[in-house]
Every structure is written in C-alpha cells, then in structure tokens.
PDB file of N, CA and C in Angstrom:
ATOM      1  N   UNK A   1    -223.239 -17.651  43.146  1.00  0.00           N
ATOM      2  CA  UNK A   1    -222.212 -18.300  42.345  1.00  0.00           C
ATOM      3  C   UNK A   1    -220.959 -18.563  43.183  1.00  0.00           C
ATOM      4  N   UNK A   2    -220.589 -17.593  44.026  1.00  0.00           N
ATOM      5  CA  UNK A   2    -219.406 -17.793  44.867  1.00  0.00           C
ATOM      6  C   UNK A   2    -219.608 -18.939  45.849  1.00  0.00           C
ATOM      7  N   UNK A   3    -220.824 -19.079  46.364  1.00  0.00           N
ATOM      8  CA  UNK A   3    -221.101 -20.160  47.308  1.00  0.00           C
ATOM      9  C   UNK A   3    -220.943 -21.529  46.626  1.00  0.00           C
ATOM     10  N   UNK A   4    -221.385 -21.601  45.381  1.00  0.00           N
ATOM     11  CA  UNK A   4    -221.257 -22.843  44.631  1.00  0.00           C
ATOM     12  C   UNK A   4    -219.784 -23.197  44.381  1.00  0.00           C
ATOM     13  N   UNK A   5    -218.982 -22.207  44.063  1.00  0.00           N
ATOM     14  CA  UNK A   5    -217.557 -22.431  43.840  1.00  0.00           C
ATOM     15  C   UNK A   5    -216.881 -22.853  45.129  1.00  0.00           C
ATOM     16  N   UNK A   6    -217.220 -22.183  46.229  1.00  0.00           N
ATOM     17  CA  UNK A   6    -216.651 -22.543  47.533  1.00  0.00           C
ATOM     18  C   UNK A   6    -217.035 -23.962  47.910  1.00  0.00           C
ATOM     19  N   UNK A   7    -218.309 -24.326  47.680  1.00  0.00           N
ATOM     20  CA  UNK A   7    -218.768 -25.673  47.974  1.00  0.00           C
ATOM     21  C   UNK A   7    -217.994 -26.695  47.142  1.00  0.00           C
ATOM     22  N   UNK A   8    -217.801 -26.427  45.864  1.00  0.00           N
ATOM     23  CA  UNK A   8    -217.074 -27.361  45.002  1.00  0.00           C
ATOM     24  C   UNK A   8    -215.628 -27.525  45.472  1.00  0.00           C
ATOM     25  N   UNK A   9    -214.987 -26.419  45.871  1.00  0.00           N
ATOM     26  CA  UNK A   9    -213.611 -26.486  46.361  1.00  0.00           C
ATOM     27  C   UNK A   9    -213.552 -27.284  47.662  1.00  0.00           C
ATOM     28  N   UNK A  10    -214.486 -27.041  48.568  1.00  0.00           N
ATOM     29  CA  UNK A  10    -214.515 -27.786  49.836  1.00  0.00           C
ATOM     30  C   UNK A  10    -214.752 -29.278  49.621  1.00  0.00           C
ATOM     31  N   UNK A  11    -215.652 -29.605  48.724  1.00  0.00           N
ATOM     32  CA  UNK A  11    -215.910 -31.015  48.419  1.00  0.00           C
ATOM     33  C   UNK A  11    -214.666 -31.652  47.815  1.00  0.00           C
ATOM     34  N   UNK A  12    -214.004 -30.957  46.898  1.00  0.00           N
ATOM     35  CA  UNK A  12    -212.778 -31.483  46.305  1.00  0.00           C
ATOM     36  C   UNK A  12    -211.694 -31.710  47.341  1.00  0.00           C
ATOM     37  N   UNK A  13    -211.536 -30.762  48.255  1.00  0.00           N
ATOM     38  CA  UNK A  13    -210.534 -30.910  49.332  1.00  0.00           C
ATOM     39  C   UNK A  13    -210.888 -32.072  50.265  1.00  0.00           C
ATOM     40  N   UNK A  14    -212.174 -32.220  50.562  1.00  0.00           N
ATOM     41  CA  UNK A  14    -212.596 -33.314  51.431  1.00  0.00           C
ATOM     42  C   UNK A  14    -212.324 -34.667  50.782  1.00  0.00           C
ATOM     43  N   UNK A  15    -212.606 -34.789  49.493  1.00  0.00           N
ATOM     44  CA  UNK A  15    -212.343 -36.060  48.784  1.00  0.00           C
ATOM     45  C   UNK A  15    -210.852 -36.335  48.743  1.00  0.00           C
ATOM     46  N   UNK A  16    -210.057 -35.304  48.447  1.00  0.00           N
ATOM     47  CA  UNK A  16    -208.608 -35.479  48.420  1.00  0.00           C
ATOM     48  C   UNK A  16    -208.087 -35.932  49.774  1.00  0.00           C
ATOM     49  N   UNK A  17    -208.534 -35.270  50.854  1.00  0.00           N
ATOM     50  CA  UNK A  17    -208.082 -35.624  52.208  1.00  0.00           C
ATOM     51  C   UNK A  17    -208.503 -37.041  52.566  1.00  0.00           C
ATOM     52  N   UNK A  18    -209.714 -37.414  52.228  1.00  0.00           N
ATOM     53  CA  UNK A  18    -210.200 -38.776  52.534  1.00  0.00           C
ATOM     54  C   UNK A  18    -209.325 -39.818  51.846  1.00  0.00           C
ATOM     55  N   UNK A  19    -209.050 -39.606  50.569  1.00  0.00           N
ATOM     56  CA  UNK A  19    -208.213 -40.555  49.827  1.00  0.00           C
ATOM     57  C   UNK A  19    -206.785 -40.568  50.342  1.00  0.00           C
ATOM     58  N   UNK A  20    -206.284 -39.412  50.718  1.00  0.00           N
ATOM     59  CA  UNK A  20    -204.901 -39.281  51.185  1.00  0.00           C
ATOM     60  C   UNK A  20    -204.689 -39.997  52.522  1.00  0.00           C
ATOM     61  N   UNK A  21    -205.617 -39.802  53.459  1.00  0.00           N
ATOM     62  CA  UNK A  21    -205.423 -40.322  54.800  1.00  0.00           C
ATOM     63  C   UNK A  21    -206.117 -41.640  55.075  1.00  0.00           C
ATOM     64  N   UNK A  22    -207.174 -41.966  54.347  1.00  0.00           N
ATOM     65  CA  UNK A  22    -207.912 -43.183  54.610  1.00  0.00           C
ATOM     66  C   UNK A  22    -207.934 -44.138  53.424  1.00  0.00           C
ATOM     67  N   UNK A  23    -207.256 -43.782  52.364  1.00  0.00           N
ATOM     68  CA  UNK A  23    -207.228 -44.623  51.174  1.00  0.00           C
ATOM     69  C   UNK A  23    -206.391 -45.868  51.375  1.00  0.00           C
ATOM     70  N   UNK A  24    -206.399 -46.705  50.395  1.00  0.00           N
ATOM     71  CA  UNK A  24    -205.641 -47.937  50.472  1.00  0.00           C
ATOM     72  C   UNK A  24    -204.137 -47.660  50.532  1.00  0.00           C
ATOM     73  N   UNK A  25    -203.463 -48.388  51.389  1.00  0.00           N
ATOM     74  CA  UNK A  25    -202.020 -48.193  51.530  1.00  0.00           C
ATOM     75  C   UNK A  25    -201.226 -49.242  50.755  1.00  0.00           C
ATOM     76  N   UNK A  26    -201.944 -50.099  50.029  1.00  0.00           N
ATOM     77  CA  UNK A  26    -201.283 -51.148  49.274  1.00  0.00           C
ATOM     78  C   UNK A  26    -200.647 -50.633  47.992  1.00  0.00           C
ATOM     79  N   UNK A  27    -200.015 -51.546  47.315  1.00  0.00           N
ATOM     80  CA  UNK A  27    -199.370 -51.201  46.046  1.00  0.00           C
ATOM     81  C   UNK A  27    -200.417 -50.816  44.996  1.00  0.00           C
ATOM     82  N   UNK A  28    -200.137 -49.803  44.230  1.00  0.00           N
ATOM     83  CA  UNK A  28    -201.053 -49.366  43.199  1.00  0.00           C
ATOM     84  C   UNK A  28    -200.683 -49.983  41.853  1.00  0.00           C
ATOM     85  N   UNK A  29    -199.675 -50.848  41.813  1.00  0.00           N
ATOM     86  CA  UNK A  29    -199.255 -51.450  40.565  1.00  0.00           C
ATOM     87  C   UNK A  29    -200.223 -52.546  40.182  1.00  0.00           C
ATOM     88  N   UNK A  30    -200.767 -52.412  38.988  1.00  0.00           N
ATOM     89  CA  UNK A  30    -201.693 -53.407  38.448  1.00  0.00           C
ATOM     90  C   UNK A  30    -201.414 -53.535  36.961  1.00  0.00           C
ATOM     91  N   UNK A  31    -201.781 -54.664  36.423  1.00  0.00           N
ATOM     92  CA  UNK A  31    -201.652 -54.861  34.980  1.00  0.00           C
ATOM     93  C   UNK A  31    -203.053 -55.107  34.425  1.00  0.00           C
ATOM     94  N   UNK A  32    -203.388 -54.433  33.353  1.00  0.00           N
ATOM     95  CA  UNK A  32    -204.722 -54.587  32.791  1.00  0.00           C
ATOM     96  C   UNK A  32    -204.674 -54.798  31.288  1.00  0.00           C
ATOM     97  N   UNK A  33    -205.679 -55.521  30.822  1.00  0.00           N
ATOM     98  CA  UNK A  33    -205.833 -55.782  29.393  1.00  0.00           C
ATOM     99  C   UNK A  33    -207.266 -55.380  29.040  1.00  0.00           C
ATOM    100  N   UNK A  34    -207.407 -54.523  28.043  1.00  0.00           N
ATOM    101  CA  UNK A  34    -208.733 -54.098  27.606  1.00  0.00           C
ATOM    102  C   UNK A  34    -208.997 -54.627  26.195  1.00  0.00           C
ATOM    103  N   UNK A  35    -210.211 -55.062  25.964  1.00  0.00           N
ATOM    104  CA  UNK A  35    -210.605 -55.612  24.682  1.00  0.00           C
ATOM    105  C   UNK A  35    -211.542 -54.648  23.955  1.00  0.00           C
ATOM    106  N   UNK A  36    -211.686 -54.813  22.657  1.00  0.00           N
ATOM    107  CA  UNK A  36    -212.499 -53.923  21.831  1.00  0.00           C
ATOM    108  C   UNK A  36    -213.973 -53.955  22.212  1.00  0.00           C
ATOM    109  N   UNK A  37    -214.472 -55.062  22.777  1.00  0.00           N
ATOM    110  CA  UNK A  37    -215.879 -55.145  23.144  1.00  0.00           C
ATOM    111  C   UNK A  37    -216.198 -54.448  24.461  1.00  0.00           C
ATOM    112  N   UNK A  38    -215.186 -53.850  25.078  1.00  0.00           N
ATOM    113  CA  UNK A  38    -215.400 -53.120  26.330  1.00  0.00           C
ATOM    114  C   UNK A  38    -215.056 -53.905  27.565  1.00  0.00           C
ATOM    115  N   UNK A  39    -214.794 -55.179  27.442  1.00  0.00           N
ATOM    116  CA  UNK A  39    -214.435 -55.973  28.611  1.00  0.00           C
ATOM    117  C   UNK A  39    -212.968 -55.754  28.949  1.00  0.00           C
ATOM    118  N   UNK A  40    -212.600 -56.068  30.181  1.00  0.00           N
ATOM    119  CA  UNK A  40    -211.219 -55.867  30.622  1.00  0.00           C
ATOM    120  C   UNK A  40    -210.854 -56.911  31.667  1.00  0.00           C
ATOM    121  N   UNK A  41    -209.574 -57.168  31.779  1.00  0.00           N
ATOM    122  CA  UNK A  41    -209.021 -58.065  32.796  1.00  0.00           C
ATOM    123  C   UNK A  41    -207.950 -57.271  33.532  1.00  0.00           C
ATOM    124  N   UNK A  42    -208.029 -57.281  34.856  1.00  0.00           N
ATOM    125  CA  UNK A  42    -207.021 -56.601  35.674  1.00  0.00           C
ATOM    126  C   UNK A  42    -206.344 -57.631  36.536  1.00  0.00           C
ATOM    127  N   UNK A  43    -205.028 -57.686  36.463  1.00  0.00           N
ATOM    128  CA  UNK A  43    -204.250 -58.645  37.234  1.00  0.00           C
ATOM    129  C   UNK A  43    -203.595 -57.927  38.415  1.00  0.00           C
ATOM    130  N   UNK A  44    -203.822 -58.438  39.598  1.00  0.00           N
ATOM    131  CA  UNK A  44    -203.251 -57.874  40.810  1.00  0.00           C
ATOM    132  C   UNK A  44    -201.865 -58.489  41.038  1.00  0.00           C
ATOM    133  N   UNK A  45    -200.973 -57.751  41.711  1.00  0.00           N
ATOM    134  CA  UNK A  45    -199.663 -58.325  42.043  1.00  0.00           C
ATOM    135  C   UNK A  45    -199.826 -59.633  42.813  1.00  0.00           C
ATOM    136  N   UNK A  46    -199.047 -60.623  42.420  1.00  0.00           N
ATOM    137  CA  UNK A  46    -199.127 -61.920  43.068  1.00  0.00           C
ATOM    138  C   UNK A  46    -200.003 -62.911  42.326  1.00  0.00           C
ATOM    139  N   UNK A  47    -200.758 -62.453  41.341  1.00  0.00           N
ATOM    140  CA  UNK A  47    -201.596 -63.365  40.585  1.00  0.00           C
ATOM    141  C   UNK A  47    -200.734 -64.107  39.554  1.00  0.00           C
ATOM    142  N   UNK A  48    -201.294 -65.150  38.985  1.00  0.00           N
ATOM    143  CA  UNK A  48    -200.527 -66.041  38.113  1.00  0.00           C
ATOM    144  C   UNK A  48    -199.908 -65.329  36.907  1.00  0.00           C
ATOM    145  N   UNK A  49    -200.664 -64.485  36.229  1.00  0.00           N
ATOM    146  CA  UNK A  49    -200.150 -63.873  35.010  1.00  0.00           C
ATOM    147  C   UNK A  49    -199.559 -62.495  35.179  1.00  0.00           C
ATOM    148  N   UNK A  50    -199.623 -61.943  36.408  1.00  0.00           N
ATOM    149  CA  UNK A  50    -199.172 -60.576  36.616  1.00  0.00           C
ATOM    150  C   UNK A  50    -197.694 -60.399  36.304  1.00  0.00           C
ATOM    151  N   UNK A  51    -196.857 -61.243  36.876  1.00  0.00           N
ATOM    152  CA  UNK A  51    -195.403 -61.094  36.677  1.00  0.00           C
ATOM    153  C   UNK A  51    -195.015 -61.197  35.210  1.00  0.00           C
ATOM    154  N   UNK A  52    -195.613 -62.132  34.514  1.00  0.00           N
ATOM    155  CA  UNK A  52    -195.293 -62.309  33.094  1.00  0.00           C
ATOM    156  C   UNK A  52    -195.726 -61.098  32.278  1.00  0.00           C
ATOM    157  N   UNK A  53    -196.968 -60.639  32.492  1.00  0.00           N
ATOM    158  CA  UNK A  53    -197.450 -59.486  31.738  1.00  0.00           C
ATOM    159  C   UNK A  53    -196.676 -58.219  32.099  1.00  0.00           C
ATOM    160  N   UNK A  54    -196.363 -58.034  33.359  1.00  0.00           N
ATOM    161  CA  UNK A  54    -195.617 -56.851  33.795  1.00  0.00           C
ATOM    162  C   UNK A  54    -194.221 -56.852  33.186  1.00  0.00           C
ATOM    163  N   UNK A  55    -193.579 -58.013  33.115  1.00  0.00           N
ATOM    164  CA  UNK A  55    -192.246 -58.101  32.523  1.00  0.00           C
ATOM    165  C   UNK A  55    -192.286 -57.745  31.037  1.00  0.00           C
ATOM    166  N   UNK A  56    -193.308 -58.230  30.336  1.00  0.00           N
ATOM    167  CA  UNK A  56    -193.442 -57.910  28.916  1.00  0.00           C
ATOM    168  C   UNK A  56    -193.686 -56.416  28.731  1.00  0.00           C
ATOM    169  N   UNK A  57    -194.516 -55.839  29.572  1.00  0.00           N
ATOM    170  CA  UNK A  57    -194.826 -54.406  29.455  1.00  0.00           C
ATOM    171  C   UNK A  57    -193.591 -53.559  29.773  1.00  0.00           C
ATOM    172  N   UNK A  58    -192.831 -53.942  30.791  1.00  0.00           N
ATOM    173  CA  UNK A  58    -191.615 -53.206  31.132  1.00  0.00           C
ATOM    174  C   UNK A  58    -190.588 -53.256  29.996  1.00  0.00           C
ATOM    175  N   UNK A  59    -190.482 -54.428  29.362  1.00  0.00           N
ATOM    176  CA  UNK A  59    -189.576 -54.571  28.226  1.00  0.00           C
ATOM    177  C   UNK A  59    -190.009 -53.683  27.081  1.00  0.00           C
ATOM    178  N   UNK A  60    -191.310 -53.657  26.828  1.00  0.00           N
ATOM    179  CA  UNK A  60    -191.842 -52.838  25.714  1.00  0.00           C
ATOM    180  C   UNK A  60    -191.632 -51.368  25.980  1.00  0.00           C
ATOM    181  N   UNK A  61    -191.696 -50.962  27.248  1.00  0.00           N
ATOM    182  CA  UNK A  61    -191.512 -49.562  27.597  1.00  0.00           C
ATOM    183  C   UNK A  61    -190.047 -49.192  27.756  1.00  0.00           C
ATOM    184  N   UNK A  62    -189.177 -50.187  27.733  1.00  0.00           N
ATOM    185  CA  UNK A  62    -187.731 -49.930  27.841  1.00  0.00           C
ATOM    186  C   UNK A  62    -187.282 -49.636  29.250  1.00  0.00           C
ATOM    187  N   UNK A  63    -187.960 -50.186  30.238  1.00  0.00           N
ATOM    188  CA  UNK A  63    -187.582 -49.924  31.626  1.00  0.00           C
ATOM    189  C   UNK A  63    -186.808 -51.067  32.209  1.00  0.00           C
TER     190      UNK A  63
END
C-alpha cells in the first residue's frame, strides 16, 4: 500500500513539474459558452467575438 501511495505522489509531482516547466506560456484567458445539449464554443484572445464576450462577462462580474 505504501508503494502505491509513493507511486501516486511521484506521478503527481512529475505531472505538476511537466506542466510547470514545459506547459504553454501563452495567456490562459479564454471565453467559453456552453449549451444544454453538451456542445461548447471557446473563443481565444484575438478572435472576432472574444473581446465583446469578455467585456460583457467583466461587466456582469463587476470588474
């Protein structure tokens, strides 16, 4: 049981380190819309509707 816990901790640390040092360095800001049927639309910064949707969301959140 201890070996399994140690393995899980090591795997978790390895995944964290990989994401920390080799992950994407770009902006993590995205805007997404989810629908009831399970479909979704994600707008990346610089896309046509991103600025408009982000501005509406910021206003709604009071930021």
